[in-house]
Amino acid sequence: MTTNTQVTTRSQVDVGCETSQFALGVGVTVAAMIGIWAVVCMASTLLDNGLGGVMRGLVGAIVGS
């Protein structure tokens, strides 16, 4: 009676997959940082000008006055 055991090791790294995972991680991190910065800026604007001032500025930016 013989036992046939095979051990498979993966010694090669898929460079394309690793690179794309790294790039995706960097992209998600940068997008999250930009989103947090946008929320902080909006909160600061609301605190400084109030909701009415922000709405007037938004309408003025849209219609160009």
PDB file of N, CA and C in Angstrom:
ATOM      1  N   MET A   1       0.833  -1.155   0.000  1.00  0.00           N
ATOM      2  CA  MET A   1       0.000   0.000   0.000  1.00  0.00           C
ATOM      3  C   MET A   1       0.896   1.243   0.000  1.00  0.00           C
ATOM      4  N   THR A   2       0.683   2.087  -0.957  1.00  0.00           N
ATOM      5  CA  THR A   2       1.477   3.315  -1.038  1.00  0.00           C
ATOM      6  C   THR A   2       0.544   4.509  -0.948  1.00  0.00           C
ATOM      7  N   THR A   3       1.049   5.532  -0.351  1.00  0.00           N
ATOM      8  CA  THR A   3       0.282   6.764  -0.225  1.00  0.00           C
ATOM      9  C   THR A   3       0.858   7.778  -1.200  1.00  0.00           C
ATOM     10  N   ASN A   4      -0.010   8.322  -2.020  1.00  0.00           N
ATOM     11  CA  ASN A   4       0.423   9.303  -3.009  1.00  0.00           C
ATOM     12  C   ASN A   4      -0.010  10.688  -2.534  1.00  0.00           C
ATOM     13  N   THR A   5       0.932  11.450  -2.048  1.00  0.00           N
ATOM     14  CA  THR A   5       0.632  12.803  -1.603  1.00  0.00           C
ATOM     15  C   THR A   5       1.391  13.778  -2.486  1.00  0.00           C
ATOM     16  N   GLN A   6       0.673  14.748  -2.949  1.00  0.00           N
ATOM     17  CA  GLN A   6       1.295  15.777  -3.772  1.00  0.00           C
ATOM     18  C   GLN A   6       1.090  17.127  -3.083  1.00  0.00           C
ATOM     19  N   VAL A   7       2.163  17.823  -2.962  1.00  0.00           N
ATOM     20  CA  VAL A   7       2.106  19.147  -2.366  1.00  0.00           C
ATOM     21  C   VAL A   7       2.367  20.143  -3.472  1.00  0.00           C
ATOM     22  N   THR A   8       1.411  20.989  -3.686  1.00  0.00           N
ATOM     23  CA  THR A   8       1.549  21.994  -4.725  1.00  0.00           C
ATOM     24  C   THR A   8       1.837  23.331  -4.064  1.00  0.00           C
ATOM     25  N   THR A   9       2.927  23.937  -4.459  1.00  0.00           N
ATOM     26  CA  THR A   9       3.261  25.261  -3.941  1.00  0.00           C
ATOM     27  C   THR A   9       3.261  26.236  -5.097  1.00  0.00           C
ATOM     28  N   ARG A  10       2.799  27.400  -4.820  1.00  0.00           N
ATOM     29  CA  ARG A  10       2.768  28.435  -5.850  1.00  0.00           C
ATOM     30  C   ARG A  10       3.891  29.402  -5.555  1.00  0.00           C
ATOM     31  N   SER A  11       4.906  29.358  -6.385  1.00  0.00           N
ATOM     32  CA  SER A  11       6.061  30.197  -6.135  1.00  0.00           C
ATOM     33  C   SER A  11       6.057  31.445  -7.020  1.00  0.00           C
ATOM     34  N   GLN A  12       5.237  31.443  -8.044  1.00  0.00           N
ATOM     35  CA  GLN A  12       5.187  32.604  -8.921  1.00  0.00           C
ATOM     36  C   GLN A  12       4.064  33.530  -8.463  1.00  0.00           C
ATOM     37  N   VAL A  13       4.332  34.796  -8.551  1.00  0.00           N
ATOM     38  CA  VAL A  13       3.348  35.795  -8.168  1.00  0.00           C
ATOM     39  C   VAL A  13       2.774  36.389  -9.447  1.00  0.00           C
ATOM     40  N   ASP A  14       1.466  36.507  -9.490  1.00  0.00           N
ATOM     41  CA  ASP A  14       0.813  37.115 -10.641  1.00  0.00           C
ATOM     42  C   ASP A  14       0.972  38.631 -10.523  1.00  0.00           C
ATOM     43  N   VAL A  15       1.936  39.166 -11.255  1.00  0.00           N
ATOM     44  CA  VAL A  15       2.297  40.582 -11.122  1.00  0.00           C
ATOM     45  C   VAL A  15       1.150  41.478 -11.565  1.00  0.00           C
ATOM     46  N   GLY A  16       0.458  41.114 -12.614  1.00  0.00           N
ATOM     47  CA  GLY A  16      -0.650  41.933 -13.089  1.00  0.00           C
ATOM     48  C   GLY A  16      -1.763  42.042 -12.075  1.00  0.00           C
ATOM     49  N   CYS A  17      -2.102  40.941 -11.441  1.00  0.00           N
ATOM     50  CA  CYS A  17      -3.161  40.943 -10.426  1.00  0.00           C
ATOM     51  C   CYS A  17      -2.735  41.756  -9.206  1.00  0.00           C
ATOM     52  N   GLU A  18      -1.523  41.587  -8.766  1.00  0.00           N
ATOM     53  CA  GLU A  18      -1.025  42.329  -7.608  1.00  0.00           C
ATOM     54  C   GLU A  18      -0.984  43.827  -7.894  1.00  0.00           C
ATOM     55  N   THR A  19      -0.554  44.192  -9.094  1.00  0.00           N
ATOM     56  CA  THR A  19      -0.476  45.602  -9.467  1.00  0.00           C
ATOM     57  C   THR A  19      -1.863  46.228  -9.529  1.00  0.00           C
ATOM     58  N   SER A  20      -2.818  45.513 -10.111  1.00  0.00           N
ATOM     59  CA  SER A  20      -4.167  46.067 -10.214  1.00  0.00           C
ATOM     60  C   SER A  20      -4.830  46.171  -8.841  1.00  0.00           C
ATOM     61  N   GLN A  21      -4.578  45.226  -7.954  1.00  0.00           N
ATOM     62  CA  GLN A  21      -5.123  45.317  -6.598  1.00  0.00           C
ATOM     63  C   GLN A  21      -4.534  46.512  -5.854  1.00  0.00           C
ATOM     64  N   PHE A  22      -3.248  46.753  -6.025  1.00  0.00           N
ATOM     65  CA  PHE A  22      -2.609  47.897  -5.383  1.00  0.00           C
ATOM     66  C   PHE A  22      -3.171  49.209  -5.932  1.00  0.00           C
ATOM     67  N   ALA A  23      -3.301  49.288  -7.252  1.00  0.00           N
ATOM     68  CA  ALA A  23      -3.827  50.508  -7.877  1.00  0.00           C
ATOM     69  C   ALA A  23      -5.271  50.766  -7.451  1.00  0.00           C
ATOM     70  N   LEU A  24      -6.070  49.705  -7.364  1.00  0.00           N
ATOM     71  CA  LEU A  24      -7.444  49.862  -6.920  1.00  0.00           C
ATOM     72  C   LEU A  24      -7.496  50.347  -5.474  1.00  0.00           C
ATOM     73  N   GLY A  25      -6.647  49.810  -4.633  1.00  0.00           N
ATOM     74  CA  GLY A  25      -6.592  50.252  -3.241  1.00  0.00           C
ATOM     75  C   GLY A  25      -6.198  51.708  -3.114  1.00  0.00           C
ATOM     76  N   VAL A  26      -5.215  52.129  -3.905  1.00  0.00           N
ATOM     77  CA  VAL A  26      -4.798  53.533  -3.884  1.00  0.00           C
ATOM     78  C   VAL A  26      -5.929  54.424  -4.379  1.00  0.00           C
ATOM     79  N   GLY A  27      -6.600  54.005  -5.451  1.00  0.00           N
ATOM     80  CA  GLY A  27      -7.702  54.796  -5.999  1.00  0.00           C
ATOM     81  C   GLY A  27      -8.845  54.956  -5.018  1.00  0.00           C
ATOM     82  N   VAL A  28      -9.205  53.882  -4.334  1.00  0.00           N
ATOM     83  CA  VAL A  28     -10.289  53.940  -3.346  1.00  0.00           C
ATOM     84  C   VAL A  28      -9.894  54.842  -2.180  1.00  0.00           C
ATOM     85  N   THR A  29      -8.655  54.758  -1.758  1.00  0.00           N
ATOM     86  CA  THR A  29      -8.186  55.592  -0.647  1.00  0.00           C
ATOM     87  C   THR A  29      -8.214  57.071  -1.022  1.00  0.00           C
ATOM     88  N   VAL A  30      -7.751  57.392  -2.224  1.00  0.00           N
ATOM     89  CA  VAL A  30      -7.761  58.785  -2.672  1.00  0.00           C
ATOM     90  C   VAL A  30      -9.193  59.293  -2.810  1.00  0.00           C
ATOM     91  N   ALA A  31     -10.085  58.477  -3.357  1.00  0.00           N
ATOM     92  CA  ALA A  31     -11.487  58.888  -3.490  1.00  0.00           C
ATOM     93  C   ALA A  31     -12.120  59.137  -2.125  1.00  0.00           C
ATOM     94  N   ALA A  32     -11.803  58.301  -1.150  1.00  0.00           N
ATOM     95  CA  ALA A  32     -12.338  58.492   0.197  1.00  0.00           C
ATOM     96  C   ALA A  32     -11.814  59.783   0.825  1.00  0.00           C
ATOM     97  N   MET A  33     -10.544  60.071   0.620  1.00  0.00           N
ATOM     98  CA  MET A  33      -9.969  61.304   1.159  1.00  0.00           C
ATOM     99  C   MET A  33     -10.606  62.532   0.522  1.00  0.00           C
ATOM    100  N   ILE A  34     -10.859  62.488  -0.781  1.00  0.00           N
ATOM    101  CA  ILE A  34     -11.502  63.605  -1.469  1.00  0.00           C
ATOM    102  C   ILE A  34     -12.931  63.784  -0.953  1.00  0.00           C
ATOM    103  N   GLY A  35     -13.641  62.688  -0.746  1.00  0.00           N
ATOM    104  CA  GLY A  35     -14.996  62.766  -0.220  1.00  0.00           C
ATOM    105  C   GLY A  35     -15.043  63.357   1.174  1.00  0.00           C
ATOM    106  N   ILE A  36     -14.122  62.952   2.019  1.00  0.00           N
ATOM    107  CA  ILE A  36     -14.061  63.504   3.384  1.00  0.00           C
ATOM    108  C   ILE A  36     -13.752  64.994   3.338  1.00  0.00           C
ATOM    109  N   TRP A  37     -12.829  65.387   2.472  1.00  0.00           N
ATOM    110  CA  TRP A  37     -12.480  66.804   2.338  1.00  0.00           C
ATOM    111  C   TRP A  37     -13.695  67.611   1.861  1.00  0.00           C
ATOM    112  N   ALA A  38     -14.472  67.064   0.922  1.00  0.00           N
ATOM    113  CA  ALA A  38     -15.655  67.755   0.414  1.00  0.00           C
ATOM    114  C   ALA A  38     -16.692  67.945   1.520  1.00  0.00           C
ATOM    115  N   VAL A  39     -16.898  66.934   2.339  1.00  0.00           N
ATOM    116  CA  VAL A  39     -17.864  67.041   3.438  1.00  0.00           C
ATOM    117  C   VAL A  39     -17.408  68.093   4.447  1.00  0.00           C
ATOM    118  N   VAL A  40     -16.124  68.124   4.751  1.00  0.00           N
ATOM    119  CA  VAL A  40     -15.601  69.113   5.694  1.00  0.00           C
ATOM    120  C   VAL A  40     -15.757  70.528   5.137  1.00  0.00           C
ATOM    121  N   CYS A  41     -15.482  70.695   3.850  1.00  0.00           N
ATOM    122  CA  CYS A  41     -15.641  72.020   3.235  1.00  0.00           C
ATOM    123  C   CYS A  41     -17.103  72.451   3.231  1.00  0.00           C
ATOM    124  N   MET A  42     -18.019  71.544   2.939  1.00  0.00           N
ATOM    125  CA  MET A  42     -19.450  71.882   2.939  1.00  0.00           C
ATOM    126  C   MET A  42     -19.912  72.248   4.347  1.00  0.00           C
ATOM    127  N   ALA A  43     -19.457  71.515   5.348  1.00  0.00           N
ATOM    128  CA  ALA A  43     -19.827  71.825   6.730  1.00  0.00           C
ATOM    129  C   ALA A  43     -19.294  73.201   7.131  1.00  0.00           C
ATOM    130  N   SER A  44     -18.072  73.504   6.736  1.00  0.00           N
ATOM    131  CA  SER A  44     -17.487  74.805   7.049  1.00  0.00           C
ATOM    132  C   SER A  44     -18.271  75.931   6.386  1.00  0.00           C
ATOM    133  N   THR A  45     -18.657  75.728   5.129  1.00  0.00           N
ATOM    134  CA  THR A  45     -19.434  76.740   4.416  1.00  0.00           C
ATOM    135  C   THR A  45     -20.797  76.938   5.059  1.00  0.00           C
ATOM    136  N   LEU A  46     -21.435  75.847   5.447  1.00  0.00           N
ATOM    137  CA  LEU A  46     -22.734  75.954   6.110  1.00  0.00           C
ATOM    138  C   LEU A  46     -22.622  76.694   7.442  1.00  0.00           C
ATOM    139  N   LEU A  47     -21.569  76.445   8.186  1.00  0.00           N
ATOM    140  CA  LEU A  47     -21.389  77.117   9.468  1.00  0.00           C
ATOM    141  C   LEU A  47     -21.101  78.607   9.283  1.00  0.00           C
ATOM    142  N   ASP A  48     -20.355  78.957   8.246  1.00  0.00           N
ATOM    143  CA  ASP A  48     -20.006  80.363   8.016  1.00  0.00           C
ATOM    144  C   ASP A  48     -21.165  81.168   7.438  1.00  0.00           C
ATOM    145  N   ASN A  49     -21.889  80.607   6.468  1.00  0.00           N
ATOM    146  CA  ASN A  49     -22.880  81.375   5.712  1.00  0.00           C
ATOM    147  C   ASN A  49     -24.318  80.989   5.987  1.00  0.00           C
ATOM    148  N   GLY A  50     -24.544  79.871   6.618  1.00  0.00           N
ATOM    149  CA  GLY A  50     -25.900  79.404   6.844  1.00  0.00           C
ATOM    150  C   GLY A  50     -26.483  78.774   5.590  1.00  0.00           C
ATOM    151  N   LEU A  51     -27.617  78.123   5.751  1.00  0.00           N
ATOM    152  CA  LEU A  51     -28.236  77.417   4.631  1.00  0.00           C
ATOM    153  C   LEU A  51     -28.702  78.380   3.547  1.00  0.00           C
ATOM    154  N   GLY A  52     -29.229  79.531   3.943  1.00  0.00           N
ATOM    155  CA  GLY A  52     -29.690  80.517   2.959  1.00  0.00           C
ATOM    156  C   GLY A  52     -28.560  81.043   2.101  1.00  0.00           C
ATOM    157  N   GLY A  53     -27.435  81.345   2.718  1.00  0.00           N
ATOM    158  CA  GLY A  53     -26.287  81.846   1.961  1.00  0.00           C
ATOM    159  C   GLY A  53     -25.729  80.806   0.998  1.00  0.00           C
ATOM    160  N   VAL A  54     -25.726  79.560   1.445  1.00  0.00           N
ATOM    161  CA  VAL A  54     -25.235  78.488   0.574  1.00  0.00           C
ATOM    162  C   VAL A  54     -26.174  78.302  -0.618  1.00  0.00           C
ATOM    163  N   MET A  55     -27.481  78.357  -0.371  1.00  0.00           N
ATOM    164  CA  MET A  55     -28.448  78.195  -1.467  1.00  0.00           C
ATOM    165  C   MET A  55     -28.366  79.363  -2.449  1.00  0.00           C
ATOM    166  N   ARG A  56     -28.209  80.597  -1.940  1.00  0.00           N
ATOM    167  CA  ARG A  56     -28.045  81.744  -2.825  1.00  0.00           C
ATOM    168  C   ARG A  56     -26.793  81.611  -3.672  1.00  0.00           C
ATOM    169  N   GLY A  57     -25.714  81.164  -3.066  1.00  0.00           N
ATOM    170  CA  GLY A  57     -24.471  80.971  -3.817  1.00  0.00           C
ATOM    171  C   GLY A  57     -24.596  79.881  -4.866  1.00  0.00           C
ATOM    172  N   LEU A  58     -25.296  78.799  -4.530  1.00  0.00           N
ATOM    173  CA  LEU A  58     -25.491  77.710  -5.481  1.00  0.00           C
ATOM    174  C   LEU A  58     -26.331  78.162  -6.670  1.00  0.00           C
ATOM    175  N   VAL A  59     -27.431  78.852  -6.392  1.00  0.00           N
ATOM    176  CA  VAL A  59     -28.288  79.349  -7.476  1.00  0.00           C
ATOM    177  C   VAL A  59     -27.527  80.374  -8.310  1.00  0.00           C
ATOM    178  N   GLY A  60     -26.768  81.228  -7.657  1.00  0.00           N
ATOM    179  CA  GLY A  60     -25.970  82.208  -8.392  1.00  0.00           C
ATOM    180  C   GLY A  60     -24.922  81.554  -9.286  1.00  0.00           C
ATOM    181  N   ALA A  61     -24.335  80.465  -8.831  1.00  0.00           N
ATOM    182  CA  ALA A  61     -23.346  79.763  -9.638  1.00  0.00           C
ATOM    183  C   ALA A  61     -24.001  79.073 -10.829  1.00  0.00           C
ATOM    184  N   ILE A  62     -25.221  78.586 -10.653  1.00  0.00           N
ATOM    185  CA  ILE A  62     -25.911  77.877 -11.741  1.00  0.00           C
ATOM    186  C   ILE A  62     -26.383  78.865 -12.812  1.00  0.00           C
ATOM    187  N   VAL A  63     -26.984  79.979 -12.396  1.00  0.00           N
ATOM    188  CA  VAL A  63     -27.529  80.922 -13.383  1.00  0.00           C
ATOM    189  C   VAL A  63     -26.499  81.947 -13.836  1.00  0.00           C
ATOM    190  N   GLY A  64     -25.405  82.057 -13.156  1.00  0.00           N
ATOM    191  CA  GLY A  64     -24.325  82.925 -13.595  1.00  0.00           C
ATOM    192  C   GLY A  64     -24.433  84.366 -13.127  1.00  0.00           C
ATOM    193  N   SER A  65     -25.063  84.590 -12.014  1.00  0.00           N
ATOM    194  CA  SER A  65     -25.158  85.977 -11.528  1.00  0.00           C
ATOM    195  C   SER A  65     -24.325  86.182 -10.296  1.00  0.00           C
TER     196      SER A  65
END
